[in-house]
Every structure is written in structure tokens, then in C-alpha cells.
Protein backbone atom coordinates (compact mmCIF):
# COMPACT_ATOMS: atom_id res chain seq x y z
CA MET A 1 0.58 19.67 24.89
CA SER A 2 1.37 21.54 28.10
CA THR A 3 -0.71 21.01 31.21
CA PRO A 4 -2.48 24.18 32.38
CA ILE A 5 -1.39 24.81 35.97
CA ALA A 6 -2.69 27.31 38.53
CA LEU A 7 -1.38 28.12 41.99
CA THR A 8 -3.56 29.18 44.89
CA VAL A 9 -2.00 31.22 47.69
CA ALA A 10 -4.58 31.25 50.45
CA GLY A 11 -5.74 29.93 53.81
CA SER A 12 -6.97 26.43 54.50
CA ASP A 13 -10.65 25.89 55.36
CA SER A 14 -11.03 22.75 57.47
CA GLY A 15 -14.71 22.62 56.50
CA GLY A 16 -13.73 22.29 52.85
CA GLY A 17 -15.99 24.98 51.42
CA ALA A 18 -13.68 27.94 50.93
CA GLY A 19 -9.99 28.82 50.75
CA ILE A 20 -7.40 26.37 49.46
CA GLN A 21 -9.91 23.53 49.35
CA ALA A 22 -12.42 25.46 47.23
CA ASP A 23 -9.68 26.68 44.91
CA LEU A 24 -8.25 23.23 44.25
CA LYS A 25 -11.74 21.82 43.65
CA THR A 26 -12.43 24.63 41.18
CA PHE A 27 -9.16 24.13 39.31
CA SER A 28 -9.86 20.40 38.99
CA ALA A 29 -13.47 20.89 37.91
CA LEU A 30 -12.31 23.24 35.14
CA GLY A 31 -9.51 21.00 33.85
CA VAL A 32 -6.54 22.73 35.47
CA TYR A 33 -3.83 21.17 37.64
CA GLY A 34 -3.69 22.92 41.02
CA CYS A 35 -0.77 23.74 43.31
CA SER A 36 -1.02 25.49 46.67
CA VAL A 37 0.78 27.75 49.11
CA ILE A 38 -0.96 27.78 52.48
CA THR A 39 -0.84 31.10 54.33
CA ALA A 40 -2.94 30.16 57.37
CA LEU A 41 -4.81 27.26 58.90
CA THR A 42 -8.36 27.87 60.04
CA ALA A 43 -10.46 25.75 62.39
CA GLN A 44 -13.65 26.42 60.49
CA ASN A 45 -16.97 24.87 59.59
CA THR A 46 -20.18 26.10 57.92
CA ARG A 47 -21.16 28.03 61.07
CA GLU A 48 -18.04 29.83 62.28
CA VAL A 49 -14.29 30.29 62.32
CA GLN A 50 -13.17 28.84 65.64
CA GLY A 51 -9.48 29.61 65.28
CA VAL A 52 -6.72 30.80 62.95
CA PHE A 53 -3.10 29.62 62.96
CA ASP A 54 -0.88 31.83 60.82
CA VAL A 55 1.92 30.33 58.76
CA SER A 56 5.20 32.21 59.16
CA PRO A 57 6.28 34.48 56.29
CA SER A 58 9.48 32.48 55.88
CA PHE A 59 7.56 29.25 55.38
CA VAL A 60 5.15 30.93 52.99
CA ARG A 61 8.18 31.91 50.93
CA ALA A 62 9.61 28.39 51.22
CA GLN A 63 6.39 27.03 49.70
CA MET A 64 6.47 29.65 46.95
CA ARG A 65 10.09 28.79 46.15
CA ALA A 66 9.43 25.05 46.10
CA VAL A 67 6.56 25.44 43.64
CA PHE A 68 7.98 28.05 41.29
CA GLU A 69 11.45 26.51 41.00
CA ASP A 70 10.03 23.23 39.70
CA ILE A 71 6.57 23.78 38.22
CA ALA A 72 5.57 26.07 35.35
CA ILE A 73 2.75 28.14 36.85
CA ASP A 74 0.37 29.69 34.32
CA ALA A 75 -1.75 31.72 36.75
CA VAL A 76 -1.79 32.60 40.45
CA LYS A 77 -4.89 33.13 42.55
CA ILE A 78 -4.36 34.94 45.87
CA GLY A 79 -6.91 34.70 48.67
CA MET A 80 -6.65 34.97 52.45
CA LEU A 81 -3.31 36.40 53.58
CA GLY A 82 -4.21 37.59 57.06
CA ARG A 83 -1.17 39.64 58.12
CA ALA A 84 1.00 42.40 56.71
CA ASP A 85 4.21 40.36 56.95
CA VAL A 86 2.66 37.50 54.98
CA ILE A 87 1.41 39.96 52.36
CA ASP A 88 4.95 41.31 52.05
CA ALA A 89 6.36 37.80 51.69
CA VAL A 90 3.96 37.02 48.84
CA ARG A 91 4.73 40.38 47.21
CA LEU A 92 8.46 39.68 47.20
CA ASP A 93 8.06 36.32 45.48
CA LEU A 94 5.55 37.58 42.92
CA LYS A 95 8.11 40.17 41.92
CA ARG A 96 10.84 37.53 41.89
CA TYR A 97 9.03 34.86 39.83
CA LYS A 98 6.81 37.15 37.73
CA PRO A 99 3.88 34.83 36.95
CA ALA A 100 1.99 35.66 33.76
CA TRP A 101 -1.34 36.18 35.56
CA VAL A 102 -2.25 37.22 39.10
CA VAL A 103 -5.85 37.14 40.36
CA LEU A 104 -6.31 38.82 43.76
CA ASP A 105 -9.39 38.18 45.88
CA PRO A 106 -9.09 40.64 48.80
CA VAL A 107 -10.49 38.30 51.47
CA MET A 108 -11.34 40.23 54.64
CA VAL A 109 -14.29 38.53 56.32
CA ALA A 110 -15.57 34.94 56.31
CA LYS A 111 -19.18 34.12 55.38
CA SER A 112 -19.81 33.66 59.11
CA GLY A 113 -18.78 37.27 59.75
CA ASP A 114 -15.41 36.42 61.32
CA ARG A 115 -12.59 38.79 60.32
CA LEU A 116 -9.78 37.17 58.31
CA LEU A 117 -7.58 40.20 57.50
CA ALA A 118 -5.85 42.09 60.29
CA LYS A 119 -6.80 45.77 60.34
CA ASN A 120 -3.17 46.85 60.08
CA ALA A 121 -2.70 44.73 56.94
CA MET A 122 -4.96 46.81 54.68
CA LYS A 123 -2.23 49.27 53.67
CA ALA A 124 0.17 46.43 52.84
CA LEU A 125 -2.50 44.85 50.65
CA ILE A 126 -3.29 48.08 48.79
CA ASP A 127 0.29 49.26 48.37
CA GLY A 128 2.04 45.92 47.95
CA LEU A 129 -0.23 43.45 46.17
CA VAL A 130 -3.02 45.29 44.37
CA PRO A 131 -0.60 46.95 41.89
CA LEU A 132 0.80 43.51 40.99
CA ALA A 133 -2.62 42.05 40.20
CA ASP A 134 -4.03 41.60 36.72
CA ILE A 135 -7.50 41.59 38.26
CA ILE A 136 -8.95 42.09 41.74
CA THR A 137 -12.35 40.65 42.68
CA PRO A 138 -13.81 42.48 45.71
CA ASN A 139 -17.42 42.29 46.79
CA LEU A 140 -19.13 45.55 47.72
CA PRO A 141 -18.19 45.58 51.44
CA GLU A 142 -14.57 44.76 50.54
CA ALA A 143 -14.51 47.55 47.95
CA ALA A 144 -15.92 50.01 50.48
CA ALA A 145 -13.23 48.97 52.97
CA LEU A 146 -10.42 49.30 50.42
CA LEU A 147 -11.66 52.79 49.51
CA LYS A 148 -12.34 53.77 53.13
CA LEU A 149 -15.90 54.75 52.27
CA LYS A 150 -18.11 55.94 55.10
CA GLU A 151 -21.28 54.68 53.40
CA PRO A 152 -21.95 51.27 51.80
CA ILE A 153 -22.13 50.86 48.03
CA THR A 154 -25.83 50.39 47.31
CA ASP A 155 -26.50 51.17 43.65
CA PRO A 156 -25.01 50.65 40.16
CA ASP A 157 -23.76 54.23 39.81
CA ALA A 158 -21.81 53.89 43.06
CA MET A 159 -20.39 50.60 41.77
CA VAL A 160 -19.06 52.30 38.64
CA GLU A 161 -17.41 55.04 40.67
CA ALA A 162 -15.93 52.52 43.12
CA ALA A 163 -14.54 50.35 40.31
CA ARG A 164 -12.98 53.38 38.66
CA ARG A 165 -11.29 54.40 41.92
CA LEU A 166 -10.08 50.85 42.59
CA LEU A 167 -8.49 50.76 39.13
CA ASP A 168 -6.44 53.78 40.18
CA PHE A 169 -4.77 51.55 42.80
CA GLY A 170 -2.91 49.84 39.97
CA PRO A 171 -4.54 46.56 38.91
CA ARG A 172 -5.20 45.97 35.20
CA ALA A 173 -8.84 45.11 35.87
CA VAL A 174 -11.47 45.15 38.60
CA LEU A 175 -14.37 42.72 38.87
CA LEU A 176 -16.72 44.35 41.37
CA LYS A 177 -19.24 41.77 42.54
CA GLY A 178 -22.80 43.02 42.98
CA GLY A 179 -24.20 40.21 45.09
CA HIS A 180 -24.77 42.53 48.06
CA LEU A 181 -27.11 44.81 46.10
CA ALA A 182 -30.81 44.57 46.91
CA GLY A 183 -33.19 42.94 44.44
CA ASP A 184 -33.28 39.83 42.27
CA SER A 185 -30.32 40.78 40.10
CA ALA A 186 -26.73 39.90 40.99
CA ALA A 187 -24.93 41.78 38.23
CA ASP A 188 -21.16 42.19 38.44
CA LEU A 189 -19.13 45.01 36.90
CA LEU A 190 -15.93 44.34 34.97
CA PHE A 191 -13.81 47.46 34.70
CA THR A 192 -10.54 47.38 32.74
CA GLU A 193 -7.93 49.96 31.84
CA GLU A 194 -8.19 49.00 28.16
CA GLY A 195 -11.89 48.36 27.60
CA GLY A 196 -13.78 50.47 30.10
CA SER A 197 -16.74 48.95 31.92
CA GLU A 198 -19.00 46.00 31.15
CA TRP A 199 -21.98 44.81 33.16
CA LEU A 200 -22.21 41.03 33.56
CA PRO A 201 -25.80 40.12 34.44
CA GLY A 202 -26.58 37.36 36.89
CA ARG A 203 -29.56 35.96 38.73
CA ARG A 204 -29.91 35.59 42.47
CA PHE A 205 -30.55 32.08 43.83
CA ASN A 206 -32.63 31.39 46.92
CA THR A 207 -30.10 29.41 48.95
CA ARG A 208 -28.08 29.89 52.11
CA ASN A 209 -25.37 27.57 50.77
CA THR A 210 -23.00 30.20 49.46
CA HIS A 211 -19.88 29.48 51.51
CA GLY A 212 -16.80 29.94 49.33
CA THR A 213 -18.42 31.82 46.45
CA GLY A 214 -15.74 34.52 46.32
CA CYS A 215 -12.88 32.03 46.50
CA THR A 216 -14.48 29.87 43.84
CA LEU A 217 -15.10 32.74 41.41
CA SER A 218 -11.55 34.07 41.60
CA ALA A 219 -10.12 30.55 41.30
CA ALA A 220 -12.28 29.97 38.22
CA ILE A 221 -10.90 33.16 36.66
CA ALA A 222 -7.37 31.96 37.33
CA ALA A 223 -8.23 28.59 35.79
CA GLY A 224 -9.47 30.25 32.61
CA LEU A 225 -6.37 32.39 32.34
CA ALA A 226 -4.18 29.33 32.89
CA LYS A 227 -5.91 27.68 29.92
CA GLY A 228 -5.11 30.63 27.68
CA GLN A 229 -8.39 32.50 27.77
CA THR A 230 -8.49 36.28 27.54
CA MET A 231 -9.44 38.21 30.66
CA GLY A 232 -12.97 38.78 29.38
CA GLU A 233 -13.40 35.12 28.46
CA ALA A 234 -12.03 33.95 31.81
CA VAL A 235 -14.32 36.22 33.81
CA LYS A 236 -17.42 35.20 31.86
CA GLN A 237 -16.75 31.48 32.08
CA ALA A 238 -16.00 31.87 35.79
CA LYS A 239 -19.28 33.68 36.35
CA ALA A 240 -21.18 30.92 34.53
CA TYR A 241 -19.36 28.27 36.59
CA ILE A 242 -20.12 29.88 39.96
CA ALA A 243 -23.75 30.45 38.96
CA ASN A 244 -24.16 26.73 38.29
CA ALA A 245 -22.29 25.87 41.49
CA ILE A 246 -24.69 28.04 43.52
CA ALA A 247 -27.76 26.81 41.62
CA THR A 248 -26.93 23.21 42.55
CA ALA A 249 -25.66 23.92 46.07
CA ASP A 250 -28.84 22.64 47.71
CA THR A 251 -28.25 19.18 46.26
CA LEU A 252 -25.46 18.89 48.85
CA ASP A 253 -26.13 18.34 52.57
CA VAL A 254 -23.06 19.69 54.34
CA GLY A 255 -23.16 21.24 57.82
CA GLY A 256 -25.79 23.29 59.58
CA GLY A 257 -24.78 26.82 58.60
CA HIS A 258 -23.79 28.39 55.28
CA GLY A 259 -23.04 25.27 53.27
CA PRO A 260 -20.65 25.13 50.31
CA VAL A 261 -21.44 25.62 46.65
CA HIS A 262 -21.26 22.51 44.46
CA HIS A 263 -17.87 22.67 42.78
CA PHE A 264 -18.36 19.39 40.91
CA HIS A 265 -21.91 20.04 39.71
CA GLY A 266 -20.90 18.96 36.22
CA LEU A 267 -19.64 15.58 37.42
CA TRP A 268 -21.91 14.36 40.23
CA HIS A 269 -24.90 15.40 42.34
CA GLY A 270 -25.39 15.23 46.09
């Protein structure tokens, strides 16, 4: 038996709720061994991002080389990259090592509202990384930013059009997250080049403890792919996992702002 292994390429969250920390917790909770390449250090808690220290592109590549030249990576999840030169470094090594699966979460803004992607890095993300991704997982504000929309995405028809346009950027699939829509529903839209569109229903939970939801969902997709699931299976199991993690988030008492979801809800309660 081979051990399923996933790699997260993302920033570190010192508060433990998002980024590298959330990804590794998710991998472990879902039975996948996790490796990491850290692209930035953040001084962050549940209330705010107090500082960001970028890792140099050369050291990002050194981490990538160290991992790929020794460990058989089944899937890669990409999160916060921050700068155009770091994006380019990751692009070069994805093309060099050609992992079987790439899940890209286009992280732009923290839950606190602090910006995590430099404005001049958007083109590098769209041109360099999105075409290498098997699936991208933007929320509605991120999708609007990628598409340079002047108005927010506020209804299901606009979501379908946005997902179709994002697919034209080159990924094999788009999971457009509908959590920013008004109402009790939190349906997501899976749009693939092979199978068209599929709505994935979801309920909205009354909690402010949603820090790290995007990181956790994309990491859960990568975990499913690492275990040999199809794209559809991986997305659906990831959505079920994050729903349970949000539903049990209030059993944790962490910080005074947007607390984390409960990654280990299946193992222990707060």
C-alpha cells in the first residue's frame, strides 16, 4: 500500500486557523500525509493580520525541490502566494515536477479584510498558475476580481456566467463558492470542461467562526484527489467535510474575532 501524500504551498497563519496550518490539519483529518512549502509568514490572529514576511522565491524553490526530489506527491494544494515573483517560482517548479493534481485557491484577502495578494500579482496568477490547475476554488469576490468585474456576483445566473468565463482561463474545473450570496443557501457551482455545470447545495450556519474555510475546502479537495478519488468525488467529500467543520466550529473557544473551523470534528470536541 502506498501512503497518500499531499503538498500545500501556502502562507503560514500564526493563529493556526488558515493557511499551512489549516491545510495540514485537513490532510491529517482526512487520512493523508501532508508536506508543506511556506511562501510567507504572517503575524496573524482571529482579529487581524499584523504583518507579513515574504519568503524569497529562491527559498520557495529550494523547499519545492527538497520535497519533490524525495517524496512522491499525489496532489498539490496552492494557497497564499502574495507576490508575482513567488507565483513565477511556483509555476516553474510545477512545470518541472508535473504533479498529477493541482488545486489552486486564489487567496487574495484574509477573513479580517487584510489584503494578501499584491495588486501587481494578479496577472502572474491568471497567466502563470491558473492554466496549470486542475481546479480553482474562488469565492465570489475573488472570481469578480479575477474577471475584473465592475459589479459583484449576486445571483446564480451570474455565477454560471462567471464560472464559464473562469474556465476559459485554462483550468480543467472551477468550483465557484456561493457563500457570499444572500439567503439561507450556500450552494457552490462545479463547472468542468468535460461535464458542464453541477450545483452542490449547502446550508448556511449561524457562526462567526469561519476563519480558514477556503483553505480547508481546497485542502480537502487535494486530500481526496491524493487518495484516488475522481474530481467530482473529491469536491463532494470536501464540501461535506467543511460543512461539518463549520457546524462544529462553536464547540471551540479560540480568540476573540473570526475563530477557526473545527478540523478534527470527527476525532474530538472543544
